[in-house]
Amino acid sequence: MKPKIHIPDIADSGRRAYRLQIDTDAPLRAQVNGEPVNIANLSATGIAFTTESLLTLQYYPARLKFRTGKQIHRVDCTLRLIRKSGTLWCGDFSGLLPRDQRLLSEFITWYQAEQIRNRNKKM
C-alpha cells in the first residue's frame, strides 16, 4: 500500500518547499548563533525551531549537522529570521551553497523514507 502524502497548499506555507516534521530522535542537530535549538520542521530552504536564547537580530550564523545512512554532513550558512509565532521561530537559509541545498534535500528524502519504514515495521 502506498503511503498517503499530504502536501500543504503553498499559500499556507511561508516557505516554497516541502516542510519535514522532525522527531526528537532524528539524526539532525542545529545551532543558531552557536547555541543548540530544537527543530520543529525543516525544508531545503528554511527551518522552524524553538530556543531559550534571546534573538534580536534578523541574521544569525547557523550550523546543521545531519546523517544520511552512514554519512555525516555539516552545513554552515546564515539564517534570516522571518517571523516568530509564540515560541516558534521561522527562518530562511541565506548563503546556502547549491551542494548544501542538495544535501538538505537528500536528507529530507532519506528521513521521509526512514519514517515510512519505521511505521510499516510497527504494523
C-alpha atoms as a PDB file:
ATOM      1  CA  MET A   1       0.000   0.000   0.000  1.00  0.00           C
ATOM      2  CA  LYS A   2       1.347   3.389  -0.969  1.00  0.00           C
ATOM      3  CA  PRO A   3       1.691   5.900   1.872  1.00  0.00           C
ATOM      4  CA  LYS A   4      -0.707   8.816   1.854  1.00  0.00           C
ATOM      5  CA  ILE A   5       1.187  12.044   1.385  1.00  0.00           C
ATOM      6  CA  HIS A   6      -0.322  15.435   2.095  1.00  0.00           C
ATOM      7  CA  ILE A   7       1.468  18.436   0.673  1.00  0.00           C
ATOM      8  CA  PRO A   8       0.232  21.671   2.221  1.00  0.00           C
ATOM      9  CA  ASP A   9      -1.054  24.367  -0.074  1.00  0.00           C
ATOM     10  CA  ILE A  10       1.735  26.797  -0.934  1.00  0.00           C
ATOM     11  CA  ALA A  11      -0.473  29.685   0.195  1.00  0.00           C
ATOM     12  CA  ASP A  12      -0.396  28.186   3.713  1.00  0.00           C
ATOM     13  CA  SER A  13       3.390  27.966   3.781  1.00  0.00           C
ATOM     14  CA  GLY A  14       5.874  30.749   4.347  1.00  0.00           C
ATOM     15  CA  ARG A  15       8.437  28.579   2.554  1.00  0.00           C
ATOM     16  CA  ARG A  16       8.243  27.450  -1.028  1.00  0.00           C
ATOM     17  CA  ALA A  17       9.455  23.928  -0.261  1.00  0.00           C
ATOM     18  CA  TYR A  18       8.143  20.810   1.463  1.00  0.00           C
ATOM     19  CA  ARG A  19       8.435  21.013   5.268  1.00  0.00           C
ATOM     20  CA  LEU A  20       9.545  17.852   7.022  1.00  0.00           C
ATOM     21  CA  GLN A  21       8.350  17.471  10.616  1.00  0.00           C
ATOM     22  CA  ILE A  22      11.349  16.484  12.755  1.00  0.00           C
ATOM     23  CA  ASP A  23      11.175  13.969  15.611  1.00  0.00           C
ATOM     24  CA  THR A  24      13.442  14.414  18.624  1.00  0.00           C
ATOM     25  CA  ASP A  25      15.328  11.224  17.720  1.00  0.00           C
ATOM     26  CA  ALA A  26      16.114  12.390  14.157  1.00  0.00           C
ATOM     27  CA  PRO A  27      19.801  12.341  13.173  1.00  0.00           C
ATOM     28  CA  LEU A  28      19.743  16.124  12.816  1.00  0.00           C
ATOM     29  CA  ARG A  29      21.104  18.849  15.084  1.00  0.00           C
ATOM     30  CA  ALA A  30      21.096  22.612  14.590  1.00  0.00           C
ATOM     31  CA  GLN A  31      22.770  25.613  16.146  1.00  0.00           C
ATOM     32  CA  VAL A  32      21.806  29.240  15.732  1.00  0.00           C
ATOM     33  CA  ASN A  33      24.391  31.782  16.814  1.00  0.00           C
ATOM     34  CA  GLY A  34      26.388  28.921  18.353  1.00  0.00           C
ATOM     35  CA  GLU A  35      23.514  27.777  20.596  1.00  0.00           C
ATOM     36  CA  PRO A  36      21.620  24.488  20.098  1.00  0.00           C
ATOM     37  CA  VAL A  37      17.968  24.803  19.057  1.00  0.00           C
ATOM     38  CA  ASN A  38      15.024  22.376  19.000  1.00  0.00           C
ATOM     39  CA  ILE A  39      13.969  21.791  15.408  1.00  0.00           C
ATOM     40  CA  ALA A  40      10.240  21.670  14.645  1.00  0.00           C
ATOM     41  CA  ASN A  41      10.471  21.323  10.873  1.00  0.00           C
ATOM     42  CA  LEU A  42      12.969  21.619   8.057  1.00  0.00           C
ATOM     43  CA  SER A  43      12.872  22.285   4.338  1.00  0.00           C
ATOM     44  CA  ALA A  44      15.622  22.711   1.771  1.00  0.00           C
ATOM     45  CA  THR A  45      15.169  26.475   2.114  1.00  0.00           C
ATOM     46  CA  GLY A  46      14.469  27.060   5.819  1.00  0.00           C
ATOM     47  CA  ILE A  47      13.834  25.855   9.333  1.00  0.00           C
ATOM     48  CA  ALA A  48      11.403  26.350  12.209  1.00  0.00           C
ATOM     49  CA  PHE A  49      12.754  25.957  15.738  1.00  0.00           C
ATOM     50  CA  THR A  50      12.395  26.840  19.393  1.00  0.00           C
ATOM     51  CA  THR A  51      15.158  28.176  21.599  1.00  0.00           C
ATOM     52  CA  GLU A  52      15.752  29.660  25.020  1.00  0.00           C
ATOM     53  CA  SER A  53      18.169  32.212  23.505  1.00  0.00           C
ATOM     54  CA  LEU A  54      17.189  35.822  23.036  1.00  0.00           C
ATOM     55  CA  LEU A  55      17.226  36.569  19.305  1.00  0.00           C
ATOM     56  CA  THR A  56      17.015  40.248  18.451  1.00  0.00           C
ATOM     57  CA  LEU A  57      18.736  40.466  15.052  1.00  0.00           C
ATOM     58  CA  GLN A  58      17.461  39.455  11.626  1.00  0.00           C
ATOM     59  CA  TYR A  59      20.540  37.413  10.572  1.00  0.00           C
ATOM     60  CA  TYR A  60      22.447  34.765  12.555  1.00  0.00           C
ATOM     61  CA  PRO A  61      25.099  32.185  11.715  1.00  0.00           C
ATOM     62  CA  ALA A  62      23.620  28.682  11.632  1.00  0.00           C
ATOM     63  CA  ARG A  63      25.026  25.170  11.512  1.00  0.00           C
ATOM     64  CA  LEU A  64      23.202  21.969  10.677  1.00  0.00           C
ATOM     65  CA  LYS A  65      24.669  18.522  11.286  1.00  0.00           C
ATOM     66  CA  PHE A  66      22.835  15.518   9.951  1.00  0.00           C
ATOM     67  CA  ARG A  67      23.285  11.923   8.910  1.00  0.00           C
ATOM     68  CA  THR A  68      22.056  10.138   5.811  1.00  0.00           C
ATOM     69  CA  GLY A  69      22.757   6.439   6.092  1.00  0.00           C
ATOM     70  CA  LYS A  70      26.319   6.281   7.389  1.00  0.00           C
ATOM     71  CA  GLN A  71      27.460   9.666   6.078  1.00  0.00           C
ATOM     72  CA  ILE A  72      27.563  12.689   8.379  1.00  0.00           C
ATOM     73  CA  HIS A  73      27.234  16.148   6.834  1.00  0.00           C
ATOM     74  CA  ARG A  74      27.698  19.663   8.177  1.00  0.00           C
ATOM     75  CA  VAL A  75      26.161  22.727   6.584  1.00  0.00           C
ATOM     76  CA  ASP A  76      27.158  26.242   7.639  1.00  0.00           C
ATOM     77  CA  CYS A  77      25.074  29.184   6.458  1.00  0.00           C
ATOM     78  CA  THR A  78      23.303  32.341   7.544  1.00  0.00           C
ATOM     79  CA  LEU A  79      19.777  32.138   8.901  1.00  0.00           C
ATOM     80  CA  ARG A  80      17.438  35.024   8.135  1.00  0.00           C
ATOM     81  CA  LEU A  81      14.701  35.137  10.771  1.00  0.00           C
ATOM     82  CA  ILE A  82      11.349  35.854   9.180  1.00  0.00           C
ATOM     83  CA  ARG A  83       8.815  35.593  11.962  1.00  0.00           C
ATOM     84  CA  LYS A  84       8.059  34.375  15.443  1.00  0.00           C
ATOM     85  CA  SER A  85       4.814  32.653  16.367  1.00  0.00           C
ATOM     86  CA  GLY A  86       4.606  32.090  20.121  1.00  0.00           C
ATOM     87  CA  THR A  87       7.876  30.332  20.964  1.00  0.00           C
ATOM     88  CA  LEU A  88       8.453  29.109  17.396  1.00  0.00           C
ATOM     89  CA  TRP A  89      10.980  30.960  15.223  1.00  0.00           C
ATOM     90  CA  CYS A  90      10.886  30.599  11.434  1.00  0.00           C
ATOM     91  CA  GLY A  91      13.814  31.410   9.198  1.00  0.00           C
ATOM     92  CA  ASP A  92      15.188  31.020   5.692  1.00  0.00           C
ATOM     93  CA  PHE A  93      18.685  29.857   4.858  1.00  0.00           C
ATOM     94  CA  SER A  94      20.785  32.555   3.232  1.00  0.00           C
ATOM     95  CA  GLY A  95      24.113  31.974   1.529  1.00  0.00           C
ATOM     96  CA  LEU A  96      23.451  28.247   1.164  1.00  0.00           C
ATOM     97  CA  LEU A  97      25.714  26.667  -1.429  1.00  0.00           C
ATOM     98  CA  PRO A  98      23.950  24.591  -4.130  1.00  0.00           C
ATOM     99  CA  ARG A  99      25.791  21.499  -2.842  1.00  0.00           C
ATOM    100  CA  ASP A 100      24.496  22.142   0.696  1.00  0.00           C
ATOM    101  CA  GLN A 101      20.935  22.650  -0.530  1.00  0.00           C
ATOM    102  CA  ARG A 102      21.200  19.336  -2.422  1.00  0.00           C
ATOM    103  CA  LEU A 103      22.442  17.614   0.757  1.00  0.00           C
ATOM    104  CA  LEU A 104      19.485  19.007   2.718  1.00  0.00           C
ATOM    105  CA  SER A 105      17.090  17.765   0.036  1.00  0.00           C
ATOM    106  CA  GLU A 106      18.736  14.332   0.177  1.00  0.00           C
ATOM    107  CA  PHE A 107      18.389  14.279   3.978  1.00  0.00           C
ATOM    108  CA  ILE A 108      14.694  15.171   3.748  1.00  0.00           C
ATOM    109  CA  THR A 109      14.068  12.380   1.232  1.00  0.00           C
ATOM    110  CA  TRP A 110      16.138   9.882   3.232  1.00  0.00           C
ATOM    111  CA  TYR A 111      14.439  10.753   6.523  1.00  0.00           C
ATOM    112  CA  GLN A 112      10.951  10.517   4.985  1.00  0.00           C
ATOM    113  CA  ALA A 113      11.808   7.005   3.754  1.00  0.00           C
ATOM    114  CA  GLU A 114      13.089   6.077   7.236  1.00  0.00           C
ATOM    115  CA  GLN A 115       9.856   7.307   8.839  1.00  0.00           C
ATOM    116  CA  ILE A 116       7.773   5.231   6.400  1.00  0.00           C
ATOM    117  CA  ARG A 117       9.914   2.127   7.040  1.00  0.00           C
ATOM    118  CA  ASN A 118       9.553   2.548  10.802  1.00  0.00           C
ATOM    119  CA  ARG A 119       5.774   2.996  10.541  1.00  0.00           C
ATOM    120  CA  ASN A 120       5.493  -0.142   8.392  1.00  0.00           C
ATOM    121  CA  LYS A 121       7.551  -2.171  10.924  1.00  0.00           C
ATOM    122  CA  LYS A 122       5.103  -1.230  13.673  1.00  0.00           C
ATOM    123  CA  MET A 123       2.110  -2.519  11.672  1.00  0.00           C
END
